[in-house]
Amino acid sequence: MKILMIGGTGTISMAVTKRLAKSGEEVFLLNRGSRSSELPDNVIVINADINSEKEVSEKLSGMTFDSVCEFIGFVPQQLERDYRLFGGRTKQYIFISSASAYHKPVRSHIINEGTALANPYWEYSRNKIACEEFLMKLYRENGFPITIVRPSHTYDERSVPLGVHGRNGSWQVIKRMMEGKPVIIHGDGTSLWTMTHSSDFAKGFCGLIGNPHAIGEAFQITSDESLTWNQIYETIADALGAELKAYHVSSEFLAAVSGYDFTGSLTGDKACSVVFDNSKLKRAVPDFRAEVRFEQGIRGTVENVLSHPELQIPDPEFDSWCDNVISALESAKKELLR
């Protein structure tokens, strides 16, 4: 098959790119050249900014595809552009949405593709919902062959997945663990969450490419493993050989005392206890099975991050904020116990 990846080098898309290339598919990447040194030799990179519609149209002139995969679309205007570029030029258009689009607050902890989409807490999720609605309208009215994919918390070897972190990623939290400092966990740490390794996501995603049962449908792709946030942080600490000093703080309080969007990322997503039912994906892709348990995958991630200084991005502002939150709460405890 001839497949065009818009992006193709991110956390989830790089795993898809490598899996497709290994299977011998004809893979094209449309991006601005990031991480190109890590790509397989048989991947063809088209250097262009997807937002420069005229340039992209010229570079893709005369080309058609079996599938176009959009990994960096976030608002409907970007998909309108894609429809102008690829309408009539692809047999399938796959859009990466988000499991955070599912109804918040959750009505049931069991989540499947029939769960309603609504998230008053996070603009990111509302935009993804609007994108899905736009694409389904194109499918119903114009026959545009769309497939919608909803990943949840997916990680690779470059970053440790966490609930509470700063703008520079997870390294500062990892550093706090290694230094024996308390680490903030939202809520009481007992809500259920799912971590999916990018290699497992790629299995499900690649099984949907060129799949006639995927046209006009939405699929979530996650692991079947459910863990509490306490278990997640304990597993990360174990991989680091460190003792976890958990400090639990309500998501509402974290959102109220920070400049970080914890209302969206926590109240609108990670603070909710969810279990994903992947039955629909398994019917469409019978050989799909998530194989990487979190304690296995996170060991590889930790080893890779610790051995690559360029992945260790400090975040002193977040570190100071954590100290201030913990200090303030400890002072409040003492004051109330006087």
C-alpha atoms as a PDB file:
ATOM      1  CA  MET A   1       0.000   0.000   0.000  1.00  0.00           C
ATOM      2  CA  LYS A   2       0.969   3.622  -0.550  1.00  0.00           C
ATOM      3  CA  ILE A   3       0.593   5.506   2.739  1.00  0.00           C
ATOM      4  CA  LEU A   4       1.113   9.177   3.563  1.00  0.00           C
ATOM      5  CA  MET A   5       1.791  10.139   7.177  1.00  0.00           C
ATOM      6  CA  ILE A   6       1.228  13.791   8.069  1.00  0.00           C
ATOM      7  CA  GLY A   7       3.750  14.165  10.888  1.00  0.00           C
ATOM      8  CA  GLY A   8       4.978  10.635  11.385  1.00  0.00           C
ATOM      9  CA  THR A   9       7.777  11.191  13.913  1.00  0.00           C
ATOM     10  CA  GLY A  10       5.892  11.810  17.180  1.00  0.00           C
ATOM     11  CA  THR A  11       5.322   9.561  20.180  1.00  0.00           C
ATOM     12  CA  ILE A  12       2.659   7.437  18.529  1.00  0.00           C
ATOM     13  CA  SER A  13       3.340   8.100  14.858  1.00  0.00           C
ATOM     14  CA  MET A  14       7.020   7.102  14.853  1.00  0.00           C
ATOM     15  CA  ALA A  15       6.076   3.606  16.020  1.00  0.00           C
ATOM     16  CA  VAL A  16       3.482   3.411  13.240  1.00  0.00           C
ATOM     17  CA  THR A  17       5.986   4.651  10.656  1.00  0.00           C
ATOM     18  CA  LYS A  18       8.579   2.060  11.665  1.00  0.00           C
ATOM     19  CA  ARG A  19       6.070  -0.787  11.716  1.00  0.00           C
ATOM     20  CA  LEU A  20       4.734   0.079   8.261  1.00  0.00           C
ATOM     21  CA  ALA A  21       8.235   0.442   6.835  1.00  0.00           C
ATOM     22  CA  LYS A  22       9.277  -2.915   8.298  1.00  0.00           C
ATOM     23  CA  SER A  23       6.269  -4.614   6.720  1.00  0.00           C
ATOM     24  CA  GLY A  24       7.338  -3.334   3.300  1.00  0.00           C
ATOM     25  CA  GLU A  25       4.639  -0.728   2.717  1.00  0.00           C
ATOM     26  CA  GLU A  26       5.422   2.340   0.615  1.00  0.00           C
ATOM     27  CA  VAL A  27       5.557   5.029   3.311  1.00  0.00           C
ATOM     28  CA  PHE A  28       5.722   8.767   2.749  1.00  0.00           C
ATOM     29  CA  LEU A  29       6.156  11.301   5.547  1.00  0.00           C
ATOM     30  CA  LEU A  30       5.036  14.876   5.126  1.00  0.00           C
ATOM     31  CA  ASN A  31       6.734  17.003   7.761  1.00  0.00           C
ATOM     32  CA  ARG A  32       9.430  19.597   8.403  1.00  0.00           C
ATOM     33  CA  GLY A  33      12.234  17.080   8.874  1.00  0.00           C
ATOM     34  CA  SER A  34      12.274  16.429  12.627  1.00  0.00           C
ATOM     35  CA  ARG A  35      13.838  13.120  13.798  1.00  0.00           C
ATOM     36  CA  SER A  36      14.536  12.142  10.182  1.00  0.00           C
ATOM     37  CA  SER A  37      17.823  10.496  11.236  1.00  0.00           C
ATOM     38  CA  GLU A  38      15.808   7.878  13.167  1.00  0.00           C
ATOM     39  CA  LEU A  39      13.665   6.863  10.202  1.00  0.00           C
ATOM     40  CA  PRO A  40      14.084   3.577   8.291  1.00  0.00           C
ATOM     41  CA  ASP A  41      15.912   3.934   4.981  1.00  0.00           C
ATOM     42  CA  ASN A  42      12.874   2.972   2.920  1.00  0.00           C
ATOM     43  CA  VAL A  43      10.710   5.841   4.228  1.00  0.00           C
ATOM     44  CA  ILE A  44      10.355   8.755   1.799  1.00  0.00           C
ATOM     45  CA  VAL A  45      10.308  12.179   3.472  1.00  0.00           C
ATOM     46  CA  ILE A  46       8.566  15.085   1.783  1.00  0.00           C
ATOM     47  CA  ASN A  47       9.844  18.211   3.500  1.00  0.00           C
ATOM     48  CA  ALA A  48       6.998  20.696   3.706  1.00  0.00           C
ATOM     49  CA  ASP A  49       4.822  22.488   6.235  1.00  0.00           C
ATOM     50  CA  ILE A  50       1.292  21.079   5.990  1.00  0.00           C
ATOM     51  CA  ASN A  51       0.003  24.555   6.846  1.00  0.00           C
ATOM     52  CA  SER A  52       1.485  25.843   3.572  1.00  0.00           C
ATOM     53  CA  GLU A  53      -1.319  24.429   1.463  1.00  0.00           C
ATOM     54  CA  LYS A  54      -0.092  25.686  -1.898  1.00  0.00           C
ATOM     55  CA  GLU A  55       3.411  24.265  -1.353  1.00  0.00           C
ATOM     56  CA  VAL A  56       2.042  20.903  -0.244  1.00  0.00           C
ATOM     57  CA  SER A  57      -0.356  20.748  -3.183  1.00  0.00           C
ATOM     58  CA  GLU A  58       2.520  21.335  -5.582  1.00  0.00           C
ATOM     59  CA  LYS A  59       4.780  18.734  -3.965  1.00  0.00           C
ATOM     60  CA  LEU A  60       2.021  16.102  -3.994  1.00  0.00           C
ATOM     61  CA  SER A  61       0.852  16.930  -7.508  1.00  0.00           C
ATOM     62  CA  GLY A  62      -0.347  13.815  -9.328  1.00  0.00           C
ATOM     63  CA  MET A  63       0.057  11.571  -6.274  1.00  0.00           C
ATOM     64  CA  THR A  64      -2.714   9.382  -4.848  1.00  0.00           C
ATOM     65  CA  PHE A  65      -2.652   7.248  -1.716  1.00  0.00           C
ATOM     66  CA  ASP A  66      -4.288   4.187  -0.242  1.00  0.00           C
ATOM     67  CA  SER A  67      -4.309   5.915   3.120  1.00  0.00           C
ATOM     68  CA  VAL A  68      -3.532   9.390   4.477  1.00  0.00           C
ATOM     69  CA  CYS A  69      -2.904   9.496   8.241  1.00  0.00           C
ATOM     70  CA  GLU A  70      -3.293  12.867  10.005  1.00  0.00           C
ATOM     71  CA  PHE A  71      -1.384  12.932  13.314  1.00  0.00           C
ATOM     72  CA  ILE A  72      -1.124  16.690  13.827  1.00  0.00           C
ATOM     73  CA  GLY A  73      -4.687  17.895  13.251  1.00  0.00           C
ATOM     74  CA  PHE A  74      -6.254  19.655  16.222  1.00  0.00           C
ATOM     75  CA  VAL A  75      -8.986  21.982  14.916  1.00  0.00           C
ATOM     76  CA  PRO A  76     -11.594  21.629  12.135  1.00  0.00           C
ATOM     77  CA  GLN A  77      -9.916  24.276   9.972  1.00  0.00           C
ATOM     78  CA  GLN A  78      -6.917  21.967   9.562  1.00  0.00           C
ATOM     79  CA  LEU A  79      -9.188  19.152   8.406  1.00  0.00           C
ATOM     80  CA  GLU A  80     -10.943  21.453   5.950  1.00  0.00           C
ATOM     81  CA  ARG A  81      -7.496  22.057   4.457  1.00  0.00           C
ATOM     82  CA  ASP A  82      -6.828  18.307   4.350  1.00  0.00           C
ATOM     83  CA  TYR A  83     -10.110  17.706   2.548  1.00  0.00           C
ATOM     84  CA  ARG A  84      -9.130  20.236  -0.096  1.00  0.00           C
ATOM     85  CA  LEU A  85      -5.763  18.511  -0.461  1.00  0.00           C
ATOM     86  CA  PHE A  86      -6.833  14.860  -0.327  1.00  0.00           C
ATOM     87  CA  GLY A  87     -10.496  14.695  -1.286  1.00  0.00           C
ATOM     88  CA  GLY A  88     -10.623  12.266  -4.212  1.00  0.00           C
ATOM     89  CA  ARG A  89      -6.927  11.391  -3.775  1.00  0.00           C
ATOM     90  CA  THR A  90      -7.044   8.773  -1.028  1.00  0.00           C
ATOM     91  CA  LYS A  91      -9.018   5.608  -0.335  1.00  0.00           C
ATOM     92  CA  GLN A  92      -8.878   6.296   3.405  1.00  0.00           C
ATOM     93  CA  TYR A  93      -8.248   9.287   5.661  1.00  0.00           C
ATOM     94  CA  ILE A  94      -7.325   8.408   9.251  1.00  0.00           C
ATOM     95  CA  PHE A  95      -7.635  11.124  11.891  1.00  0.00           C
ATOM     96  CA  ILE A  96      -6.047  10.917  15.322  1.00  0.00           C
ATOM     97  CA  SER A  97      -8.590  12.124  17.848  1.00  0.00           C
ATOM     98  CA  SER A  98      -8.308  11.538  21.608  1.00  0.00           C
ATOM     99  CA  ALA A  99      -9.905   9.385  24.289  1.00  0.00           C
ATOM    100  CA  SER A 100     -10.074  12.559  26.378  1.00  0.00           C
ATOM    101  CA  ALA A 101     -13.045  13.474  24.166  1.00  0.00           C
ATOM    102  CA  TYR A 102     -15.227  10.936  26.002  1.00  0.00           C
ATOM    103  CA  HIS A 103     -17.884  12.292  28.346  1.00  0.00           C
ATOM    104  CA  LYS A 104     -16.599  14.134  31.415  1.00  0.00           C
ATOM    105  CA  PRO A 105     -17.525  13.713  34.164  1.00  0.00           C
ATOM    106  CA  VAL A 106     -17.594  10.007  33.359  1.00  0.00           C
ATOM    107  CA  ARG A 107     -20.982   8.296  33.525  1.00  0.00           C
ATOM    108  CA  SER A 108     -19.434   4.836  33.577  1.00  0.00           C
ATOM    109  CA  HIS A 109     -15.838   3.786  34.112  1.00  0.00           C
ATOM    110  CA  ILE A 110     -16.175   1.328  31.212  1.00  0.00           C
ATOM    111  CA  ILE A 111     -15.365   3.255  28.032  1.00  0.00           C
ATOM    112  CA  ASN A 112     -16.101   2.134  24.482  1.00  0.00           C
ATOM    113  CA  GLU A 113     -16.733   3.831  21.156  1.00  0.00           C
ATOM    114  CA  GLY A 114     -20.416   4.241  22.013  1.00  0.00           C
ATOM    115  CA  THR A 115     -19.607   6.445  25.007  1.00  0.00           C
ATOM    116  CA  ALA A 116     -20.851   9.984  24.403  1.00  0.00           C
ATOM    117  CA  LEU A 117     -18.359  12.719  23.527  1.00  0.00           C
ATOM    118  CA  ALA A 118     -18.423  15.804  25.779  1.00  0.00           C
ATOM    119  CA  ASN A 119     -15.703  17.538  27.770  1.00  0.00           C
ATOM    120  CA  PRO A 120     -16.511  20.925  29.347  1.00  0.00           C
ATOM    121  CA  TYR A 121     -13.115  21.000  31.096  1.00  0.00           C
ATOM    122  CA  TRP A 122     -10.628  20.866  28.214  1.00  0.00           C
ATOM    123  CA  GLU A 123     -10.634  22.920  25.027  1.00  0.00           C
ATOM    124  CA  TYR A 124      -8.209  20.457  23.416  1.00  0.00           C
ATOM    125  CA  SER A 125     -10.820  17.708  23.743  1.00  0.00           C
ATOM    126  CA  ARG A 126     -13.676  19.891  22.528  1.00  0.00           C
ATOM    127  CA  ASN A 127     -11.664  20.728  19.421  1.00  0.00           C
ATOM    128  CA  LYS A 128     -11.073  17.027  18.775  1.00  0.00           C
ATOM    129  CA  ILE A 129     -14.825  16.431  19.111  1.00  0.00           C
ATOM    130  CA  ALA A 130     -15.494  19.205  16.608  1.00  0.00           C
ATOM    131  CA  CYS A 131     -12.987  17.589  14.241  1.00  0.00           C
ATOM    132  CA  GLU A 132     -14.764  14.242  14.518  1.00  0.00           C
ATOM    133  CA  GLU A 133     -18.143  15.831  13.848  1.00  0.00           C
ATOM    134  CA  PHE A 134     -16.757  17.611  10.770  1.00  0.00           C
ATOM    135  CA  LEU A 135     -15.303  14.386   9.374  1.00  0.00           C
ATOM    136  CA  MET A 136     -18.436  12.330   9.999  1.00  0.00           C
ATOM    137  CA  LYS A 137     -20.442  14.971   8.138  1.00  0.00           C
ATOM    138  CA  LEU A 138     -18.022  14.688   5.199  1.00  0.00           C
ATOM    139  CA  TYR A 139     -18.426  10.917   5.251  1.00  0.00           C
ATOM    140  CA  ARG A 140     -22.229  11.004   5.398  1.00  0.00           C
ATOM    141  CA  GLU A 141     -22.735  13.755   2.840  1.00  0.00           C
ATOM    142  CA  ASN A 142     -19.731  13.454   0.498  1.00  0.00           C
ATOM    143  CA  GLY A 143     -18.551   9.887   0.969  1.00  0.00           C
ATOM    144  CA  PHE A 144     -15.109  10.984   2.171  1.00  0.00           C
ATOM    145  CA  PRO A 145     -13.595   7.672   3.458  1.00  0.00           C
ATOM    146  CA  ILE A 146     -12.684   8.570   7.028  1.00  0.00           C
ATOM    147  CA  THR A 147     -11.510   6.520   9.996  1.00  0.00           C
ATOM    148  CA  ILE A 148     -11.247   8.055  13.478  1.00  0.00           C
ATOM    149  CA  VAL A 149      -8.739   6.746  16.025  1.00  0.00           C
ATOM    150  CA  ARG A 150      -8.865   7.637  19.722  1.00  0.00           C
ATOM    151  CA  PRO A 151      -5.648   6.927  21.618  1.00  0.00           C
ATOM    152  CA  SER A 152      -5.397   7.472  25.350  1.00  0.00           C
ATOM    153  CA  HIS A 153      -2.129   7.857  27.309  1.00  0.00           C
ATOM    154  CA  THR A 154       0.496   6.448  24.939  1.00  0.00           C
ATOM    155  CA  TYR A 155       4.230   6.528  25.676  1.00  0.00           C
ATOM    156  CA  ASP A 156       7.483   5.588  23.981  1.00  0.00           C
ATOM    157  CA  GLU A 157      11.145   5.341  24.935  1.00  0.00           C
ATOM    158  CA  ARG A 158      11.724   9.102  25.089  1.00  0.00           C
ATOM    159  CA  SER A 159       9.493  10.241  27.933  1.00  0.00           C
ATOM    160  CA  VAL A 160       8.135   8.771  31.164  1.00  0.00           C
ATOM    161  CA  PRO A 161       4.305   9.115  31.253  1.00  0.00           C
ATOM    162  CA  LEU A 162       2.958  10.920  34.317  1.00  0.00           C
ATOM    163  CA  GLY A 163      -0.150  12.650  35.605  1.00  0.00           C
ATOM    164  CA  VAL A 164       1.350  15.808  37.116  1.00  0.00           C
ATOM    165  CA  HIS A 165       4.318  17.446  35.393  1.00  0.00           C
ATOM    166  CA  GLY A 166       5.477  20.825  34.119  1.00  0.00           C
ATOM    167  CA  ARG A 167       5.777  22.324  30.676  1.00  0.00           C
ATOM    168  CA  ASN A 168       9.115  20.640  29.932  1.00  0.00           C
ATOM    169  CA  GLY A 169       7.901  17.088  30.327  1.00  0.00           C
ATOM    170  CA  SER A 170       8.551  14.420  32.914  1.00  0.00           C
ATOM    171  CA  TRP A 171      12.278  14.714  33.664  1.00  0.00           C
ATOM    172  CA  GLN A 172      11.920  17.005  36.675  1.00  0.00           C
ATOM    173  CA  VAL A 173       9.595  14.517  38.359  1.00  0.00           C
ATOM    174  CA  ILE A 174      12.054  11.696  37.645  1.00  0.00           C
ATOM    175  CA  LYS A 175      14.816  13.823  39.126  1.00  0.00           C
ATOM    176  CA  ARG A 176      12.733  14.422  42.261  1.00  0.00           C
ATOM    177  CA  MET A 177      12.244  10.677  42.643  1.00  0.00           C
ATOM    178  CA  MET A 178      15.977  10.009  42.329  1.00  0.00           C
ATOM    179  CA  GLU A 179      16.776  12.785  44.813  1.00  0.00           C
ATOM    180  CA  GLY A 180      14.348  11.385  47.380  1.00  0.00           C
ATOM    181  CA  LYS A 181      12.013  14.390  47.193  1.00  0.00           C
ATOM    182  CA  PRO A 182       8.220  14.058  47.523  1.00  0.00           C
ATOM    183  CA  VAL A 183       6.355  13.681  44.246  1.00  0.00           C
ATOM    184  CA  ILE A 184       2.843  15.035  43.727  1.00  0.00           C
ATOM    185  CA  ILE A 185       0.177  12.549  42.653  1.00  0.00           C
ATOM    186  CA  HIS A 186      -3.270  13.891  41.857  1.00  0.00           C
ATOM    187  CA  GLY A 187      -6.177  12.785  44.042  1.00  0.00           C
ATOM    188  CA  ASP A 188      -5.538   9.882  46.391  1.00  0.00           C
ATOM    189  CA  GLY A 189      -3.847   7.898  43.623  1.00  0.00           C
ATOM    190  CA  THR A 190      -6.469   5.157  43.559  1.00  0.00           C
ATOM    191  CA  SER A 191      -8.282   6.060  40.312  1.00  0.00           C
ATOM    192  CA  LEU A 192      -7.716   3.645  37.439  1.00  0.00           C
ATOM    193  CA  TRP A 193      -5.759   4.573  34.331  1.00  0.00           C
ATOM    194  CA  THR A 194      -4.364   2.882  31.217  1.00  0.00           C
ATOM    195  CA  MET A 195      -0.861   3.304  29.830  1.00  0.00           C
ATOM    196  CA  THR A 196      -0.276   2.075  26.285  1.00  0.00           C
ATOM    197  CA  HIS A 197       3.143   1.457  24.770  1.00  0.00           C
ATOM    198  CA  SER A 198       3.533   3.021  21.335  1.00  0.00           C
ATOM    199  CA  SER A 199       4.495  -0.324  19.784  1.00  0.00           C
ATOM    200  CA  ASP A 200       1.140  -1.781  20.868  1.00  0.00           C
ATOM    201  CA  PHE A 201      -0.721   1.248  19.570  1.00  0.00           C
ATOM    202  CA  ALA A 202       1.030   0.787  16.226  1.00  0.00           C
ATOM    203  CA  LYS A 203      -0.258  -2.794  15.942  1.00  0.00           C
ATOM    204  CA  GLY A 204      -3.849  -1.695  16.229  1.00  0.00           C
ATOM    205  CA  PHE A 205      -3.395   1.349  14.018  1.00  0.00           C
ATOM    206  CA  CYS A 206      -1.670  -0.524  11.205  1.00  0.00           C
ATOM    207  CA  GLY A 207      -4.429  -3.116  11.294  1.00  0.00           C
ATOM    208  CA  LEU A 208      -6.939  -0.371  10.462  1.00  0.00           C
ATOM    209  CA  ILE A 209      -5.005   0.929   7.454  1.00  0.00           C
ATOM    210  CA  GLY A 210      -6.634  -0.331   4.281  1.00  0.00           C
ATOM    211  CA  ASN A 211      -9.241  -2.177   6.363  1.00  0.00           C
ATOM    212  CA  PRO A 212     -12.708  -1.900   4.744  1.00  0.00           C
ATOM    213  CA  HIS A 213     -14.360  -2.391   8.150  1.00  0.00           C
ATOM    214  CA  ALA A 214     -12.705   0.809   9.382  1.00  0.00           C
ATOM    215  CA  ILE A 215     -14.298   3.213   6.898  1.00  0.00           C
ATOM    216  CA  GLY A 216     -16.804   5.558   8.536  1.00  0.00           C
ATOM    217  CA  GLU A 217     -15.956   4.205  11.982  1.00  0.00           C
ATOM    218  CA  ALA A 218     -14.218   5.329  15.176  1.00  0.00           C
ATOM    219  CA  PHE A 219     -11.868   3.086  17.170  1.00  0.00           C
ATOM    220  CA  GLN A 220     -10.064   3.488  20.453  1.00  0.00           C
ATOM    221  CA  ILE A 221      -6.634   1.876  20.694  1.00  0.00           C
ATOM    222  CA  THR A 222      -5.296   1.229  24.188  1.00  0.00           C
ATOM    223  CA  SER A 223      -3.818  -1.487  26.335  1.00  0.00           C
ATOM    224  CA  ASP A 224      -6.199  -3.705  28.306  1.00  0.00           C
ATOM    225  CA  GLU A 225      -4.142  -3.229  31.469  1.00  0.00           C
ATOM    226  CA  SER A 226      -5.638  -1.020  34.188  1.00  0.00           C
ATOM    227  CA  LEU A 227      -3.472   0.436  36.955  1.00  0.00           C
ATOM    228  CA  THR A 228      -4.021   2.904  39.764  1.00  0.00           C
ATOM    229  CA  TRP A 229      -1.947   6.072  39.657  1.00  0.00           C
ATOM    230  CA  ASN A 230      -0.206   4.894  42.838  1.00  0.00           C
ATOM    231  CA  GLN A 231       0.813   1.698  41.016  1.00  0.00           C
ATOM    232  CA  ILE A 232       2.000   3.708  38.008  1.00  0.00           C
ATOM    233  CA  TYR A 233       4.249   5.953  40.085  1.00  0.00           C
ATOM    234  CA  GLU A 234       5.494   3.033  42.197  1.00  0.00           C
ATOM    235  CA  THR A 235       6.402   1.121  39.034  1.00  0.00           C
ATOM    236  CA  ILE A 236       8.349   4.118  37.709  1.00  0.00           C
ATOM    237  CA  ALA A 237      10.184   4.498  41.023  1.00  0.00           C
ATOM    238  CA  ASP A 238      11.042   0.779  41.005  1.00  0.00           C
ATOM    239  CA  ALA A 239      12.495   1.118  37.506  1.00  0.00           C
ATOM    240  CA  LEU A 240      14.625   4.001  38.777  1.00  0.00           C
ATOM    241  CA  GLY A 241      15.719   2.046  41.850  1.00  0.00           C
ATOM    242  CA  ALA A 242      14.252   4.818  43.987  1.00  0.00           C
ATOM    243  CA  GLU A 243      11.817   5.003  46.890  1.00  0.00           C
ATOM    244  CA  LEU A 244       8.559   6.715  45.991  1.00  0.00           C
ATOM    245  CA  LYS A 245       7.600   9.476  48.389  1.00  0.00           C
ATOM    246  CA  ALA A 246       4.068  10.130  47.197  1.00  0.00           C
ATOM    247  CA  TYR A 247       2.331  13.352  48.132  1.00  0.00           C
ATOM    248  CA  HIS A 248      -1.373  13.307  47.252  1.00  0.00           C
ATOM    249  CA  VAL A 249      -3.113  16.543  46.312  1.00  0.00           C
ATOM    250  CA  SER A 250      -6.630  16.972  44.923  1.00  0.00           C
ATOM    251  CA  SER A 251      -6.861  17.715  41.213  1.00  0.00           C
ATOM    252  CA  GLU A 252      -9.146  20.679  41.932  1.00  0.00           C
ATOM    253  CA  PHE A 253      -6.555  22.223  44.253  1.00  0.00           C
ATOM    254  CA  LEU A 254      -3.723  21.650  41.755  1.00  0.00           C
ATOM    255  CA  ALA A 255      -5.721  23.393  39.045  1.00  0.00           C
ATOM    256  CA  ALA A 256      -6.555  26.322  41.338  1.00  0.00           C
ATOM    257  CA  VAL A 257      -2.975  27.075  42.429  1.00  0.00           C
ATOM    258  CA  SER A 258      -1.020  26.661  39.197  1.00  0.00           C
ATOM    259  CA  GLY A 259      -0.524  28.179  35.794  1.00  0.00           C
ATOM    260  CA  TYR A 260      -0.671  24.694  34.290  1.00  0.00           C
ATOM    261  CA  ASP A 261      -3.843  23.457  32.614  1.00  0.00           C
ATOM    262  CA  PHE A 262      -4.664  20.853  35.226  1.00  0.00           C
ATOM    263  CA  THR A 263      -8.386  21.567  34.889  1.00  0.00           C
ATOM    264  CA  GLY A 264      -8.138  20.118  31.381  1.00  0.00           C
ATOM    265  CA  SER A 265      -5.464  17.460  31.729  1.00  0.00           C
ATOM    266  CA  LEU A 266      -6.601  16.181  35.143  1.00  0.00           C
ATOM    267  CA  THR A 267     -10.297  16.973  35.754  1.00  0.00           C
ATOM    268  CA  GLY A 268     -10.992  16.592  32.048  1.00  0.00           C
ATOM    269  CA  ASP A 269      -8.914  13.444  31.622  1.00  0.00           C
ATOM    270  CA  LYS A 270      -6.417  11.780  33.960  1.00  0.00           C
ATOM    271  CA  ALA A 271      -8.295  12.211  37.235  1.00  0.00           C
ATOM    272  CA  CYS A 272     -11.157  10.095  35.902  1.00  0.00           C
ATOM    273  CA  SER A 273     -11.174   6.386  36.629  1.00  0.00           C
ATOM    274  CA  VAL A 274     -11.590   4.603  33.296  1.00  0.00           C
ATOM    275  CA  VAL A 275     -11.280   1.112  31.832  1.00  0.00           C
ATOM    276  CA  PHE A 276     -11.212   0.821  28.038  1.00  0.00           C
ATOM    277  CA  ASP A 277     -13.192  -1.863  26.246  1.00  0.00           C
ATOM    278  CA  ASN A 278     -11.325  -2.581  22.993  1.00  0.00           C
ATOM    279  CA  SER A 279     -13.780  -5.167  21.663  1.00  0.00           C
ATOM    280  CA  LYS A 280     -14.602  -3.155  18.545  1.00  0.00           C
ATOM    281  CA  LEU A 281     -10.945  -2.865  17.552  1.00  0.00           C
ATOM    282  CA  LYS A 282     -10.406  -6.576  18.117  1.00  0.00           C
ATOM    283  CA  ARG A 283     -13.327  -7.427  15.858  1.00  0.00           C
ATOM    284  CA  ALA A 284     -11.875  -5.255  13.077  1.00  0.00           C
ATOM    285  CA  VAL A 285      -8.271  -6.346  13.728  1.00  0.00           C
ATOM    286  CA  PRO A 286      -8.557  -9.933  15.064  1.00  0.00           C
ATOM    287  CA  ASP A 287      -4.822 -10.368  15.708  1.00  0.00           C
ATOM    288  CA  PHE A 288      -4.540  -7.221  17.843  1.00  0.00           C
ATOM    289  CA  ARG A 289      -3.353  -7.806  21.381  1.00  0.00           C
ATOM    290  CA  ALA A 290      -1.460  -5.329  23.542  1.00  0.00           C
ATOM    291  CA  GLU A 291       1.602  -7.236  24.727  1.00  0.00           C
ATOM    292  CA  VAL A 292       3.742  -4.700  26.621  1.00  0.00           C
ATOM    293  CA  ARG A 293       2.804  -4.540  30.299  1.00  0.00           C
ATOM    294  CA  PHE A 294       3.599  -1.241  31.953  1.00  0.00           C
ATOM    295  CA  GLU A 295       6.365  -2.556  34.194  1.00  0.00           C
ATOM    296  CA  GLN A 296       8.062  -3.963  31.077  1.00  0.00           C
ATOM    297  CA  GLY A 297       7.700  -0.901  28.886  1.00  0.00           C
ATOM    298  CA  ILE A 298       8.648   1.623  31.535  1.00  0.00           C
ATOM    299  CA  ARG A 299      11.947  -0.127  32.244  1.00  0.00           C
ATOM    300  CA  GLY A 300      13.007   0.448  28.657  1.00  0.00           C
ATOM    301  CA  THR A 301      11.823   4.055  28.790  1.00  0.00           C
ATOM    302  CA  VAL A 302      13.690   4.790  32.022  1.00  0.00           C
ATOM    303  CA  GLU A 303      16.884   3.176  30.726  1.00  0.00           C
ATOM    304  CA  ASN A 304      16.705   5.200  27.518  1.00  0.00           C
ATOM    305  CA  VAL A 305      16.003   8.512  29.258  1.00  0.00           C
ATOM    306  CA  LEU A 306      18.811   7.998  31.768  1.00  0.00           C
ATOM    307  CA  SER A 307      21.280   7.183  28.996  1.00  0.00           C
ATOM    308  CA  HIS A 308      20.376  10.187  26.803  1.00  0.00           C
ATOM    309  CA  PRO A 309      21.133  13.567  28.422  1.00  0.00           C
ATOM    310  CA  GLU A 310      19.280  15.399  25.646  1.00  0.00           C
ATOM    311  CA  LEU A 311      16.039  13.879  26.991  1.00  0.00           C
ATOM    312  CA  GLN A 312      16.723  15.196  30.483  1.00  0.00           C
ATOM    313  CA  ILE A 313      15.166  18.643  30.192  1.00  0.00           C
ATOM    314  CA  PRO A 314      15.214  20.480  33.531  1.00  0.00           C
ATOM    315  CA  ASP A 315      12.190  22.414  34.736  1.00  0.00           C
ATOM    316  CA  PRO A 316      13.226  24.452  37.792  1.00  0.00           C
ATOM    317  CA  GLU A 317       9.979  26.442  37.711  1.00  0.00           C
ATOM    318  CA  PHE A 318       7.908  23.279  38.109  1.00  0.00           C
ATOM    319  CA  ASP A 319      10.284  21.936  40.751  1.00  0.00           C
ATOM    320  CA  SER A 320       9.877  25.106  42.813  1.00  0.00           C
ATOM    321  CA  TRP A 321       6.118  25.020  42.350  1.00  0.00           C
ATOM    322  CA  CYS A 322       5.974  21.447  43.712  1.00  0.00           C
ATOM    323  CA  ASP A 323       7.995  22.480  46.766  1.00  0.00           C
ATOM    324  CA  ASN A 324       5.714  25.469  47.351  1.00  0.00           C
ATOM    325  CA  VAL A 325       2.509  23.418  47.080  1.00  0.00           C
ATOM    326  CA  ILE A 326       3.790  20.787  49.498  1.00  0.00           C
ATOM    327  CA  SER A 327       5.102  23.407  51.937  1.00  0.00           C
ATOM    328  CA  ALA A 328       1.808  25.312  51.890  1.00  0.00           C
ATOM    329  CA  LEU A 329      -0.244  22.188  52.550  1.00  0.00           C
ATOM    330  CA  GLU A 330       2.048  21.065  55.359  1.00  0.00           C
ATOM    331  CA  SER A 331       1.783  24.538  56.938  1.00  0.00           C
ATOM    332  CA  ALA A 332      -2.020  24.368  56.655  1.00  0.00           C
ATOM    333  CA  LYS A 333      -2.026  21.012  58.437  1.00  0.00           C
ATOM    334  CA  LYS A 334      -0.002  22.420  61.304  1.00  0.00           C
ATOM    335  CA  GLU A 335      -2.207  25.502  61.541  1.00  0.00           C
ATOM    336  CA  LEU A 336      -5.398  23.458  61.699  1.00  0.00           C
ATOM    337  CA  LEU A 337      -3.942  21.142  64.339  1.00  0.00           C
ATOM    338  CA  ARG A 338      -2.920  23.973  66.661  1.00  0.00           C
END
